[in-house]
């Protein structure tokens, strides 16, 4: 496989999750280390997510969120916390892309208008150690992690609509089903739970993990739920029966992110073992392994700060048309975002 696989920055949901401060590099080919054609987050960590309309990208760096225009790379908007001592967590766009919500370390959730920059609402909510929020795909409500529970908020008023109780151990991740009827959450108690959003009833509980649940994703048709864990195993569950269809092995370290292809045929996973793996949802077999250390090497210009074992793949995702796979590969000082042509990867 060629190391000059096509890299294009375009609409793709990719999230980088690290700690500390960061700044977004220019939309040119530098100052990334070779190979050229990539884009970087400089210094330790940021959160990054694309809007559902494919027009915007939100970049979080400590106490600020910056919204960029994907067509020309121009900065459209900057949102800041009220106090520099506060920091943002991973943001979430509303289904129409007009609003963005983000949790803050000071037990607050902010909601802003992406176009005007107006702060629409601030919700006082205990956000806990894992700063996660998720807009319902049908609009109107927002879920947030609060320690061992999930709180559901009405976006227009900030009124609490429901509380989904998990455990005393903190939840780490949440996700809505495509139709917005189910809400899933997993956490440090090594349990994956699914609730009915309307009734608040827990409809599924799965405890087959040996370490924390680190990432979850619903299939595009809503029939399956995929969960990655700190034990390196990805489990695919049938939501109709609650049974495990496959346990997808192969990673040697913690899984950091899982994502379904738009057609639901492939699961992509990223891991601290420097790899991205592709699995068939029909058979559970491993289709391909993308070793980013072999392809990209150390990210530091002096090749010293990122010895093998210190670099990590923090996120993976598919473009809406399913033709590209995006990866977020982070060393000690630099995070690099690459988009890979899936036909080149699979030799199609």
C-alpha atoms as a PDB file:
ATOM      1  CA  UNK A   1       0.000   0.000   0.000  1.00  0.00           C
ATOM      2  CA  UNK A   2       1.285   3.448  -0.910  1.00  0.00           C
ATOM      3  CA  UNK A   3       2.180   5.850   1.879  1.00  0.00           C
ATOM      4  CA  UNK A   4       0.895   8.701  -0.269  1.00  0.00           C
ATOM      5  CA  UNK A   5      -2.743   7.851   0.284  1.00  0.00           C
ATOM      6  CA  UNK A   6      -5.124  10.650  -0.490  1.00  0.00           C
ATOM      7  CA  UNK A   7      -5.544  13.127   2.388  1.00  0.00           C
ATOM      8  CA  UNK A   8      -8.268  15.733   2.115  1.00  0.00           C
ATOM      9  CA  UNK A   9      -9.716  17.790   4.946  1.00  0.00           C
ATOM     10  CA  UNK A  10     -13.479  17.795   4.530  1.00  0.00           C
ATOM     11  CA  UNK A  11     -16.641  17.075   6.504  1.00  0.00           C
ATOM     12  CA  UNK A  12     -15.941  14.184   8.847  1.00  0.00           C
ATOM     13  CA  UNK A  13     -16.753  13.614  12.487  1.00  0.00           C
ATOM     14  CA  UNK A  14     -13.399  13.283  14.192  1.00  0.00           C
ATOM     15  CA  UNK A  15     -12.788  13.941  17.847  1.00  0.00           C
ATOM     16  CA  UNK A  16      -9.408  14.319  19.505  1.00  0.00           C
ATOM     17  CA  UNK A  17      -9.459  13.998  23.268  1.00  0.00           C
ATOM     18  CA  UNK A  18      -6.365  14.963  25.255  1.00  0.00           C
ATOM     19  CA  UNK A  19      -5.523  17.383  28.050  1.00  0.00           C
ATOM     20  CA  UNK A  20      -4.089  20.887  28.180  1.00  0.00           C
ATOM     21  CA  UNK A  21      -3.670  23.725  25.709  1.00  0.00           C
ATOM     22  CA  UNK A  22      -3.517  23.635  21.935  1.00  0.00           C
ATOM     23  CA  UNK A  23      -3.650  25.817  18.851  1.00  0.00           C
ATOM     24  CA  UNK A  24      -4.914  25.015  15.384  1.00  0.00           C
ATOM     25  CA  UNK A  25      -2.340  25.106  12.598  1.00  0.00           C
ATOM     26  CA  UNK A  26      -2.901  27.007   9.359  1.00  0.00           C
ATOM     27  CA  UNK A  27      -4.965  25.265   6.702  1.00  0.00           C
ATOM     28  CA  UNK A  28      -1.813  24.897   4.616  1.00  0.00           C
ATOM     29  CA  UNK A  29       0.439  21.846   4.527  1.00  0.00           C
ATOM     30  CA  UNK A  30       2.646  23.119   7.357  1.00  0.00           C
ATOM     31  CA  UNK A  31       3.776  23.101  10.015  1.00  0.00           C
ATOM     32  CA  UNK A  32       3.098  19.372  10.114  1.00  0.00           C
ATOM     33  CA  UNK A  33       6.069  17.043   9.957  1.00  0.00           C
ATOM     34  CA  UNK A  34       6.342  14.829   6.842  1.00  0.00           C
ATOM     35  CA  UNK A  35       4.536  13.389   5.005  1.00  0.00           C
ATOM     36  CA  UNK A  36       3.024  16.637   3.682  1.00  0.00           C
ATOM     37  CA  UNK A  37      -0.656  17.205   3.079  1.00  0.00           C
ATOM     38  CA  UNK A  38      -1.776  16.747   6.672  1.00  0.00           C
ATOM     39  CA  UNK A  39      -3.157  19.111   9.270  1.00  0.00           C
ATOM     40  CA  UNK A  40      -2.053  19.476  12.861  1.00  0.00           C
ATOM     41  CA  UNK A  41      -3.107  20.371  16.330  1.00  0.00           C
ATOM     42  CA  UNK A  42       0.029  21.824  17.873  1.00  0.00           C
ATOM     43  CA  UNK A  43       0.959  21.105  21.508  1.00  0.00           C
ATOM     44  CA  UNK A  44      -0.987  19.002  23.979  1.00  0.00           C
ATOM     45  CA  UNK A  45      -4.488  18.249  23.048  1.00  0.00           C
ATOM     46  CA  UNK A  46      -7.723  19.626  21.815  1.00  0.00           C
ATOM     47  CA  UNK A  47     -11.223  18.508  21.049  1.00  0.00           C
ATOM     48  CA  UNK A  48     -12.309  18.542  17.439  1.00  0.00           C
ATOM     49  CA  UNK A  49     -15.705  17.865  15.861  1.00  0.00           C
ATOM     50  CA  UNK A  50     -17.341  18.542  12.510  1.00  0.00           C
ATOM     51  CA  UNK A  51     -20.798  19.984  12.042  1.00  0.00           C
ATOM     52  CA  UNK A  52     -23.502  17.723  10.567  1.00  0.00           C
ATOM     53  CA  UNK A  53     -23.955  20.018   7.572  1.00  0.00           C
ATOM     54  CA  UNK A  54     -20.326  19.519   6.514  1.00  0.00           C
ATOM     55  CA  UNK A  55     -19.702  23.273   6.520  1.00  0.00           C
ATOM     56  CA  UNK A  56     -18.176  23.864   9.950  1.00  0.00           C
ATOM     57  CA  UNK A  57     -15.511  22.452  12.193  1.00  0.00           C
ATOM     58  CA  UNK A  58     -15.280  23.195  15.922  1.00  0.00           C
ATOM     59  CA  UNK A  59     -11.902  23.153  17.621  1.00  0.00           C
ATOM     60  CA  UNK A  60     -11.629  23.245  21.398  1.00  0.00           C
ATOM     61  CA  UNK A  61      -8.456  24.383  23.091  1.00  0.00           C
ATOM     62  CA  UNK A  62      -8.646  24.782  26.833  1.00  0.00           C
ATOM     63  CA  UNK A  63     -10.942  27.719  27.536  1.00  0.00           C
ATOM     64  CA  UNK A  64     -12.050  28.476  23.974  1.00  0.00           C
ATOM     65  CA  UNK A  65     -13.973  26.968  21.074  1.00  0.00           C
ATOM     66  CA  UNK A  66     -13.245  28.163  17.560  1.00  0.00           C
ATOM     67  CA  UNK A  67     -15.564  27.546  14.615  1.00  0.00           C
ATOM     68  CA  UNK A  68     -13.893  27.375  11.188  1.00  0.00           C
ATOM     69  CA  UNK A  69     -15.406  27.402   7.698  1.00  0.00           C
ATOM     70  CA  UNK A  70     -14.450  24.146   5.988  1.00  0.00           C
ATOM     71  CA  UNK A  71     -14.598  25.652   2.501  1.00  0.00           C
ATOM     72  CA  UNK A  72     -11.838  28.230   2.972  1.00  0.00           C
ATOM     73  CA  UNK A  73     -10.471  27.638   6.487  1.00  0.00           C
ATOM     74  CA  UNK A  74     -11.551  31.064   7.741  1.00  0.00           C
ATOM     75  CA  UNK A  75     -12.289  31.586  11.429  1.00  0.00           C
ATOM     76  CA  UNK A  76     -15.998  32.279  11.845  1.00  0.00           C
ATOM     77  CA  UNK A  77     -16.478  32.451  15.582  1.00  0.00           C
ATOM     78  CA  UNK A  78     -14.705  32.115  18.914  1.00  0.00           C
ATOM     79  CA  UNK A  79     -16.449  31.187  22.156  1.00  0.00           C
ATOM     80  CA  UNK A  80     -14.672  31.513  25.497  1.00  0.00           C
ATOM     81  CA  UNK A  81     -15.409  30.432  29.028  1.00  0.00           C
ATOM     82  CA  UNK A  82     -16.189  33.193  31.507  1.00  0.00           C
ATOM     83  CA  UNK A  83     -13.054  32.365  33.468  1.00  0.00           C
ATOM     84  CA  UNK A  84      -9.694  31.233  32.033  1.00  0.00           C
ATOM     85  CA  UNK A  85      -9.499  28.668  34.821  1.00  0.00           C
ATOM     86  CA  UNK A  86     -12.420  26.785  33.232  1.00  0.00           C
ATOM     87  CA  UNK A  87     -11.997  24.444  30.269  1.00  0.00           C
ATOM     88  CA  UNK A  88     -14.330  23.009  27.647  1.00  0.00           C
ATOM     89  CA  UNK A  89     -15.052  19.364  27.049  1.00  0.00           C
ATOM     90  CA  UNK A  90     -16.125  17.694  23.804  1.00  0.00           C
ATOM     91  CA  UNK A  91     -18.797  19.804  22.039  1.00  0.00           C
ATOM     92  CA  UNK A  92     -21.851  18.632  20.136  1.00  0.00           C
ATOM     93  CA  UNK A  93     -23.648  20.257  17.198  1.00  0.00           C
ATOM     94  CA  UNK A  94     -27.439  20.292  16.968  1.00  0.00           C
ATOM     95  CA  UNK A  95     -28.883  18.134  14.146  1.00  0.00           C
ATOM     96  CA  UNK A  96     -29.279  21.160  11.866  1.00  0.00           C
ATOM     97  CA  UNK A  97     -25.820  22.494  12.722  1.00  0.00           C
ATOM     98  CA  UNK A  98     -27.195  25.833  13.914  1.00  0.00           C
ATOM     99  CA  UNK A  99     -26.328  25.380  17.604  1.00  0.00           C
ATOM    100  CA  UNK A 100     -23.295  24.073  19.438  1.00  0.00           C
ATOM    101  CA  UNK A 101     -23.251  22.885  23.038  1.00  0.00           C
ATOM    102  CA  UNK A 102     -20.235  22.257  25.213  1.00  0.00           C
ATOM    103  CA  UNK A 103     -19.714  21.158  28.816  1.00  0.00           C
ATOM    104  CA  UNK A 104     -17.342  23.112  31.038  1.00  0.00           C
ATOM    105  CA  UNK A 105     -15.243  22.103  34.003  1.00  0.00           C
ATOM    106  CA  UNK A 106     -17.092  24.498  36.316  1.00  0.00           C
ATOM    107  CA  UNK A 107     -20.287  22.403  36.229  1.00  0.00           C
ATOM    108  CA  UNK A 108     -21.779  24.404  33.377  1.00  0.00           C
ATOM    109  CA  UNK A 109     -23.090  23.645  29.886  1.00  0.00           C
ATOM    110  CA  UNK A 110     -23.178  26.426  27.313  1.00  0.00           C
ATOM    111  CA  UNK A 111     -25.288  26.533  24.149  1.00  0.00           C
ATOM    112  CA  UNK A 112     -24.460  29.041  21.406  1.00  0.00           C
ATOM    113  CA  UNK A 113     -25.819  30.077  18.010  1.00  0.00           C
ATOM    114  CA  UNK A 114     -23.106  29.115  15.516  1.00  0.00           C
ATOM    115  CA  UNK A 115     -23.972  31.887  13.020  1.00  0.00           C
ATOM    116  CA  UNK A 116     -24.451  34.869  15.337  1.00  0.00           C
ATOM    117  CA  UNK A 117     -22.261  33.776  18.240  1.00  0.00           C
ATOM    118  CA  UNK A 118     -25.050  34.578  20.688  1.00  0.00           C
ATOM    119  CA  UNK A 119     -25.094  32.550  23.879  1.00  0.00           C
ATOM    120  CA  UNK A 120     -28.547  31.022  23.864  1.00  0.00           C
ATOM    121  CA  UNK A 121     -28.465  29.280  27.233  1.00  0.00           C
ATOM    122  CA  UNK A 122     -26.260  28.316  30.159  1.00  0.00           C
ATOM    123  CA  UNK A 123     -27.252  25.262  32.172  1.00  0.00           C
ATOM    124  CA  UNK A 124     -25.924  24.661  35.677  1.00  0.00           C
ATOM    125  CA  UNK A 125     -25.211  20.949  35.795  1.00  0.00           C
ATOM    126  CA  UNK A 126     -22.624  18.834  37.610  1.00  0.00           C
ATOM    127  CA  UNK A 127     -20.508  17.667  34.668  1.00  0.00           C
ATOM    128  CA  UNK A 128     -18.154  15.375  36.583  1.00  0.00           C
ATOM    129  CA  UNK A 129     -14.703  14.272  35.396  1.00  0.00           C
ATOM    130  CA  UNK A 130     -15.841  13.301  31.878  1.00  0.00           C
ATOM    131  CA  UNK A 131     -17.020  16.345  29.939  1.00  0.00           C
ATOM    132  CA  UNK A 132     -19.519  14.893  27.475  1.00  0.00           C
ATOM    133  CA  UNK A 133     -22.757  16.177  25.942  1.00  0.00           C
ATOM    134  CA  UNK A 134     -24.862  14.909  23.025  1.00  0.00           C
ATOM    135  CA  UNK A 135     -27.699  16.547  21.114  1.00  0.00           C
ATOM    136  CA  UNK A 136     -30.648  14.327  20.355  1.00  0.00           C
ATOM    137  CA  UNK A 137     -30.708  13.631  16.596  1.00  0.00           C
ATOM    138  CA  UNK A 138     -34.360  14.629  16.490  1.00  0.00           C
ATOM    139  CA  UNK A 139     -33.592  17.998  18.119  1.00  0.00           C
ATOM    140  CA  UNK A 140     -35.006  19.757  21.137  1.00  0.00           C
ATOM    141  CA  UNK A 141     -33.044  17.998  23.861  1.00  0.00           C
ATOM    142  CA  UNK A 142     -29.486  17.597  25.056  1.00  0.00           C
ATOM    143  CA  UNK A 143     -27.942  14.850  27.194  1.00  0.00           C
ATOM    144  CA  UNK A 144     -25.007  15.374  29.548  1.00  0.00           C
ATOM    145  CA  UNK A 145     -22.935  13.124  31.781  1.00  0.00           C
ATOM    146  CA  UNK A 146     -23.095  13.927  35.471  1.00  0.00           C
ATOM    147  CA  UNK A 147     -20.987  11.409  37.355  1.00  0.00           C
ATOM    148  CA  UNK A 148     -22.915   8.140  37.461  1.00  0.00           C
ATOM    149  CA  UNK A 149     -25.999   9.452  35.692  1.00  0.00           C
ATOM    150  CA  UNK A 150     -27.157  11.115  32.485  1.00  0.00           C
ATOM    151  CA  UNK A 151     -29.319  14.224  32.589  1.00  0.00           C
ATOM    152  CA  UNK A 152     -31.627  15.195  29.731  1.00  0.00           C
ATOM    153  CA  UNK A 153     -32.286  18.908  29.156  1.00  0.00           C
ATOM    154  CA  UNK A 154     -34.782  20.869  27.098  1.00  0.00           C
ATOM    155  CA  UNK A 155     -32.646  23.041  24.818  1.00  0.00           C
ATOM    156  CA  UNK A 156     -35.091  25.944  24.575  1.00  0.00           C
ATOM    157  CA  UNK A 157     -35.480  26.454  28.334  1.00  0.00           C
ATOM    158  CA  UNK A 158     -32.748  24.521  30.133  1.00  0.00           C
ATOM    159  CA  UNK A 159     -35.397  22.551  32.009  1.00  0.00           C
ATOM    160  CA  UNK A 160     -34.373  19.095  33.188  1.00  0.00           C
ATOM    161  CA  UNK A 161     -36.563  16.557  31.403  1.00  0.00           C
ATOM    162  CA  UNK A 162     -35.283  13.285  32.799  1.00  0.00           C
ATOM    163  CA  UNK A 163     -32.469  11.589  34.697  1.00  0.00           C
ATOM    164  CA  UNK A 164     -31.024   8.213  33.719  1.00  0.00           C
ATOM    165  CA  UNK A 165     -29.258   6.590  36.654  1.00  0.00           C
ATOM    166  CA  UNK A 166     -26.296   4.313  36.015  1.00  0.00           C
ATOM    167  CA  UNK A 167     -24.009   3.672  38.980  1.00  0.00           C
ATOM    168  CA  UNK A 168     -21.825   5.386  41.531  1.00  0.00           C
ATOM    169  CA  UNK A 169     -18.866   5.032  39.145  1.00  0.00           C
ATOM    170  CA  UNK A 170     -18.640   7.823  36.560  1.00  0.00           C
ATOM    171  CA  UNK A 171     -19.983   7.369  33.069  1.00  0.00           C
ATOM    172  CA  UNK A 172     -17.438   8.090  30.349  1.00  0.00           C
ATOM    173  CA  UNK A 173     -19.432   8.111  27.090  1.00  0.00           C
ATOM    174  CA  UNK A 174     -22.996   8.637  25.829  1.00  0.00           C
ATOM    175  CA  UNK A 175     -24.742   8.322  22.461  1.00  0.00           C
ATOM    176  CA  UNK A 176     -28.257   8.599  21.033  1.00  0.00           C
ATOM    177  CA  UNK A 177     -29.774   6.103  18.626  1.00  0.00           C
ATOM    178  CA  UNK A 178     -30.397   7.507  15.116  1.00  0.00           C
ATOM    179  CA  UNK A 179     -34.127   7.925  15.791  1.00  0.00           C
ATOM    180  CA  UNK A 180     -33.496   9.569  19.176  1.00  0.00           C
ATOM    181  CA  UNK A 181     -35.614   7.005  21.026  1.00  0.00           C
ATOM    182  CA  UNK A 182     -32.743   5.327  22.871  1.00  0.00           C
ATOM    183  CA  UNK A 183     -29.819   6.687  24.872  1.00  0.00           C
ATOM    184  CA  UNK A 184     -26.756   4.579  25.625  1.00  0.00           C
ATOM    185  CA  UNK A 185     -24.077   5.168  28.239  1.00  0.00           C
ATOM    186  CA  UNK A 186     -20.994   3.347  29.419  1.00  0.00           C
ATOM    187  CA  UNK A 187     -18.424   3.986  32.070  1.00  0.00           C
ATOM    188  CA  UNK A 188     -15.904   2.980  34.661  1.00  0.00           C
ATOM    189  CA  UNK A 189     -18.187   0.307  36.124  1.00  0.00           C
ATOM    190  CA  UNK A 190     -17.554  -1.752  32.954  1.00  0.00           C
ATOM    191  CA  UNK A 191     -21.255  -1.769  32.085  1.00  0.00           C
ATOM    192  CA  UNK A 192     -23.090  -0.626  28.974  1.00  0.00           C
ATOM    193  CA  UNK A 193     -26.631   0.598  29.579  1.00  0.00           C
ATOM    194  CA  UNK A 194     -29.419   1.609  27.207  1.00  0.00           C
ATOM    195  CA  UNK A 195     -32.444   3.656  28.266  1.00  0.00           C
ATOM    196  CA  UNK A 196     -35.746   4.492  26.626  1.00  0.00           C
ATOM    197  CA  UNK A 197     -35.574   8.281  26.315  1.00  0.00           C
ATOM    198  CA  UNK A 198     -39.309   8.866  26.709  1.00  0.00           C
ATOM    199  CA  UNK A 199     -39.980   6.618  29.697  1.00  0.00           C
ATOM    200  CA  UNK A 200     -36.536   6.673  31.315  1.00  0.00           C
ATOM    201  CA  UNK A 201     -36.659   2.881  31.645  1.00  0.00           C
ATOM    202  CA  UNK A 202     -33.416   0.940  31.374  1.00  0.00           C
ATOM    203  CA  UNK A 203     -34.053  -1.499  28.527  1.00  0.00           C
ATOM    204  CA  UNK A 204     -30.621  -3.128  28.270  1.00  0.00           C
ATOM    205  CA  UNK A 205     -27.620  -3.717  30.507  1.00  0.00           C
ATOM    206  CA  UNK A 206     -24.492  -5.495  29.309  1.00  0.00           C
ATOM    207  CA  UNK A 207     -21.615  -6.371  31.622  1.00  0.00           C
ATOM    208  CA  UNK A 208     -19.203  -8.301  29.429  1.00  0.00           C
ATOM    209  CA  UNK A 209     -16.286  -5.866  29.722  1.00  0.00           C
ATOM    210  CA  UNK A 210     -13.165  -6.419  31.807  1.00  0.00           C
ATOM    211  CA  UNK A 211     -12.285  -2.699  31.819  1.00  0.00           C
ATOM    212  CA  UNK A 212     -14.081   0.627  31.356  1.00  0.00           C
ATOM    213  CA  UNK A 213     -16.320   1.308  28.352  1.00  0.00           C
ATOM    214  CA  UNK A 214     -14.383   3.885  26.340  1.00  0.00           C
ATOM    215  CA  UNK A 215     -16.475   4.501  23.207  1.00  0.00           C
ATOM    216  CA  UNK A 216     -19.927   3.622  21.860  1.00  0.00           C
ATOM    217  CA  UNK A 217     -21.762   4.007  18.560  1.00  0.00           C
ATOM    218  CA  UNK A 218     -25.157   3.007  17.212  1.00  0.00           C
ATOM    219  CA  UNK A 219     -25.368   1.449  13.755  1.00  0.00           C
ATOM    220  CA  UNK A 220     -26.957   3.709  11.093  1.00  0.00           C
ATOM    221  CA  UNK A 221     -30.149   1.597  11.074  1.00  0.00           C
ATOM    222  CA  UNK A 222     -30.324   1.562  14.889  1.00  0.00           C
ATOM    223  CA  UNK A 223     -30.339  -2.249  15.117  1.00  0.00           C
ATOM    224  CA  UNK A 224     -26.908  -2.681  16.695  1.00  0.00           C
ATOM    225  CA  UNK A 225     -24.721  -1.025  19.285  1.00  0.00           C
ATOM    226  CA  UNK A 226     -20.936  -1.145  19.221  1.00  0.00           C
ATOM    227  CA  UNK A 227     -18.773  -0.546  22.289  1.00  0.00           C
ATOM    228  CA  UNK A 228     -15.010  -0.331  22.684  1.00  0.00           C
ATOM    229  CA  UNK A 229     -13.273  -0.887  25.990  1.00  0.00           C
ATOM    230  CA  UNK A 230     -10.049  -0.328  27.854  1.00  0.00           C
ATOM    231  CA  UNK A 231      -9.411  -4.057  27.487  1.00  0.00           C
ATOM    232  CA  UNK A 232      -8.863  -3.611  23.733  1.00  0.00           C
ATOM    233  CA  UNK A 233     -11.971  -5.576  22.743  1.00  0.00           C
ATOM    234  CA  UNK A 234     -14.896  -4.199  20.700  1.00  0.00           C
ATOM    235  CA  UNK A 235     -18.278  -5.786  21.289  1.00  0.00           C
ATOM    236  CA  UNK A 236     -21.161  -5.656  18.809  1.00  0.00           C
ATOM    237  CA  UNK A 237     -24.597  -6.094  20.394  1.00  0.00           C
ATOM    238  CA  UNK A 238     -27.966  -6.889  18.831  1.00  0.00           C
ATOM    239  CA  UNK A 239     -30.404  -4.387  20.356  1.00  0.00           C
ATOM    240  CA  UNK A 240     -33.461  -6.544  19.626  1.00  0.00           C
ATOM    241  CA  UNK A 241     -32.173  -9.466  21.697  1.00  0.00           C
ATOM    242  CA  UNK A 242     -29.537  -7.822  23.887  1.00  0.00           C
ATOM    243  CA  UNK A 243     -27.135 -10.564  22.845  1.00  0.00           C
ATOM    244  CA  UNK A 244     -23.527 -10.116  21.827  1.00  0.00           C
ATOM    245  CA  UNK A 245     -23.075 -10.828  18.125  1.00  0.00           C
ATOM    246  CA  UNK A 246     -19.299 -10.560  18.006  1.00  0.00           C
ATOM    247  CA  UNK A 247     -16.345  -9.780  20.230  1.00  0.00           C
ATOM    248  CA  UNK A 248     -13.884  -8.092  17.889  1.00  0.00           C
ATOM    249  CA  UNK A 249     -10.345  -8.728  19.057  1.00  0.00           C
ATOM    250  CA  UNK A 250      -7.046  -7.518  17.634  1.00  0.00           C
ATOM    251  CA  UNK A 251      -6.105  -4.379  19.530  1.00  0.00           C
ATOM    252  CA  UNK A 252      -3.361  -4.813  22.113  1.00  0.00           C
ATOM    253  CA  UNK A 253      -4.218  -1.673  24.097  1.00  0.00           C
ATOM    254  CA  UNK A 254      -7.295   0.399  24.988  1.00  0.00           C
ATOM    255  CA  UNK A 255      -9.822   1.221  22.289  1.00  0.00           C
ATOM    256  CA  UNK A 256     -10.250   4.990  22.016  1.00  0.00           C
ATOM    257  CA  UNK A 257     -13.011   5.336  19.416  1.00  0.00           C
ATOM    258  CA  UNK A 258     -15.446   3.267  17.358  1.00  0.00           C
ATOM    259  CA  UNK A 259     -17.486   4.283  14.313  1.00  0.00           C
ATOM    260  CA  UNK A 260     -19.806   2.664  11.795  1.00  0.00           C
ATOM    261  CA  UNK A 261     -19.475   3.210   8.060  1.00  0.00           C
ATOM    262  CA  UNK A 262     -22.503   5.035   6.591  1.00  0.00           C
ATOM    263  CA  UNK A 263     -23.847   1.780   5.122  1.00  0.00           C
ATOM    264  CA  UNK A 264     -23.329  -0.074   8.408  1.00  0.00           C
ATOM    265  CA  UNK A 265     -21.142  -2.757   6.816  1.00  0.00           C
ATOM    266  CA  UNK A 266     -17.868  -1.822   8.518  1.00  0.00           C
ATOM    267  CA  UNK A 267     -16.782  -0.853  12.030  1.00  0.00           C
ATOM    268  CA  UNK A 268     -13.641   1.249  12.364  1.00  0.00           C
ATOM    269  CA  UNK A 269     -11.782   1.412  15.675  1.00  0.00           C
ATOM    270  CA  UNK A 270      -8.793   3.357  16.944  1.00  0.00           C
ATOM    271  CA  UNK A 271      -6.517   2.397  19.804  1.00  0.00           C
ATOM    272  CA  UNK A 272      -3.563   3.356  21.953  1.00  0.00           C
ATOM    273  CA  UNK A 273      -1.659   0.630  20.100  1.00  0.00           C
ATOM    274  CA  UNK A 274      -1.140   3.119  17.191  1.00  0.00           C
ATOM    275  CA  UNK A 275      -3.524   1.301  14.852  1.00  0.00           C
ATOM    276  CA  UNK A 276      -6.894   1.683  13.202  1.00  0.00           C
ATOM    277  CA  UNK A 277      -8.724  -1.556  12.428  1.00  0.00           C
ATOM    278  CA  UNK A 278     -11.639  -2.261  10.106  1.00  0.00           C
ATOM    279  CA  UNK A 279     -14.071  -5.109  10.853  1.00  0.00           C
ATOM    280  CA  UNK A 280     -16.954  -6.631   8.912  1.00  0.00           C
ATOM    281  CA  UNK A 281     -20.268  -6.266  10.762  1.00  0.00           C
ATOM    282  CA  UNK A 282     -21.644  -9.278   8.895  1.00  0.00           C
ATOM    283  CA  UNK A 283     -18.951 -11.765   9.911  1.00  0.00           C
ATOM    284  CA  UNK A 284     -16.982 -10.024  12.671  1.00  0.00           C
ATOM    285  CA  UNK A 285     -13.752 -10.645  10.796  1.00  0.00           C
ATOM    286  CA  UNK A 286     -10.840  -8.209  10.676  1.00  0.00           C
ATOM    287  CA  UNK A 287     -10.672  -6.645   7.213  1.00  0.00           C
ATOM    288  CA  UNK A 288      -7.653  -4.409   7.498  1.00  0.00           C
ATOM    289  CA  UNK A 289      -5.181  -2.857   9.947  1.00  0.00           C
ATOM    290  CA  UNK A 290      -3.829   0.645   9.384  1.00  0.00           C
ATOM    291  CA  UNK A 291      -0.637   1.078  11.420  1.00  0.00           C
ATOM    292  CA  UNK A 292      -0.132   4.813  11.744  1.00  0.00           C
ATOM    293  CA  UNK A 293       3.273   4.474  13.364  1.00  0.00           C
ATOM    294  CA  UNK A 294       4.552   2.621  10.316  1.00  0.00           C
ATOM    295  CA  UNK A 295       2.924   5.124   7.943  1.00  0.00           C
ATOM    296  CA  UNK A 296       3.554   8.414   9.728  1.00  0.00           C
ATOM    297  CA  UNK A 297       6.315   7.697  12.235  1.00  0.00           C
ATOM    298  CA  UNK A 298       7.136  10.101  15.079  1.00  0.00           C
ATOM    299  CA  UNK A 299       5.361  13.439  14.927  1.00  0.00           C
ATOM    300  CA  UNK A 300       8.038  15.577  16.577  1.00  0.00           C
ATOM    301  CA  UNK A 301      10.476  17.232  14.142  1.00  0.00           C
ATOM    302  CA  UNK A 302      13.448  16.005  16.182  1.00  0.00           C
ATOM    303  CA  UNK A 303      12.035  12.437  16.188  1.00  0.00           C
ATOM    304  CA  UNK A 304      12.851  12.217  19.889  1.00  0.00           C
ATOM    305  CA  UNK A 305       9.678  13.135  21.780  1.00  0.00           C
ATOM    306  CA  UNK A 306       7.482  10.481  20.190  1.00  0.00           C
ATOM    307  CA  UNK A 307       9.152   7.084  20.483  1.00  0.00           C
ATOM    308  CA  UNK A 308       6.972   4.145  19.511  1.00  0.00           C
ATOM    309  CA  UNK A 309       4.631   3.505  22.391  1.00  0.00           C
ATOM    310  CA  UNK A 310       4.215   7.218  23.164  1.00  0.00           C
ATOM    311  CA  UNK A 311       2.181   8.081  20.046  1.00  0.00           C
ATOM    312  CA  UNK A 312      -1.532   7.295  20.150  1.00  0.00           C
ATOM    313  CA  UNK A 313      -4.496   7.130  17.768  1.00  0.00           C
ATOM    314  CA  UNK A 314      -7.264   8.978  19.585  1.00  0.00           C
ATOM    315  CA  UNK A 315     -10.074   8.954  17.031  1.00  0.00           C
ATOM    316  CA  UNK A 316     -11.375   7.488  13.802  1.00  0.00           C
ATOM    317  CA  UNK A 317     -14.419   8.192  11.638  1.00  0.00           C
ATOM    318  CA  UNK A 318     -15.957   7.846   8.203  1.00  0.00           C
ATOM    319  CA  UNK A 319     -16.822  10.626   5.775  1.00  0.00           C
ATOM    320  CA  UNK A 320     -20.573  10.875   5.068  1.00  0.00           C
ATOM    321  CA  UNK A 321     -20.134   9.245   1.650  1.00  0.00           C
ATOM    322  CA  UNK A 322     -18.058   6.419   3.118  1.00  0.00           C
ATOM    323  CA  UNK A 323     -15.138   7.042   0.770  1.00  0.00           C
ATOM    324  CA  UNK A 324     -12.695   8.371   3.361  1.00  0.00           C
ATOM    325  CA  UNK A 325     -11.521   7.337   6.810  1.00  0.00           C
ATOM    326  CA  UNK A 326     -10.247  10.024   9.146  1.00  0.00           C
ATOM    327  CA  UNK A 327      -7.691   9.449  11.874  1.00  0.00           C
ATOM    328  CA  UNK A 328      -6.400  11.584  14.737  1.00  0.00           C
ATOM    329  CA  UNK A 329      -2.832  10.566  15.589  1.00  0.00           C
ATOM    330  CA  UNK A 330      -1.191  12.250  18.552  1.00  0.00           C
ATOM    331  CA  UNK A 331       2.321  12.372  19.902  1.00  0.00           C
ATOM    332  CA  UNK A 332       3.655  14.212  22.918  1.00  0.00           C
ATOM    333  CA  UNK A 333       3.472  17.669  21.301  1.00  0.00           C
ATOM    334  CA  UNK A 334       1.557  17.298  18.042  1.00  0.00           C
ATOM    335  CA  UNK A 335      -1.766  15.875  16.918  1.00  0.00           C
ATOM    336  CA  UNK A 336      -2.143  15.162  13.220  1.00  0.00           C
ATOM    337  CA  UNK A 337      -5.421  14.652  11.351  1.00  0.00           C
ATOM    338  CA  UNK A 338      -5.324  12.575   8.161  1.00  0.00           C
ATOM    339  CA  UNK A 339      -8.042  11.445   5.775  1.00  0.00           C
ATOM    340  CA  UNK A 340      -7.348   8.218   3.909  1.00  0.00           C
ATOM    341  CA  UNK A 341      -8.993   7.061   0.711  1.00  0.00           C
ATOM    342  CA  UNK A 342     -10.667   3.779   1.658  1.00  0.00           C
ATOM    343  CA  UNK A 343     -10.333   2.362  -1.853  1.00  0.00           C
ATOM    344  CA  UNK A 344      -6.546   2.794  -1.594  1.00  0.00           C
ATOM    345  CA  UNK A 345      -6.498   1.199   1.846  1.00  0.00           C
ATOM    346  CA  UNK A 346      -8.478  -1.848   0.744  1.00  0.00           C
ATOM    347  CA  UNK A 347      -6.884  -2.001  -2.703  1.00  0.00           C
ATOM    348  CA  UNK A 348     -10.204  -1.638  -4.512  1.00  0.00           C
END
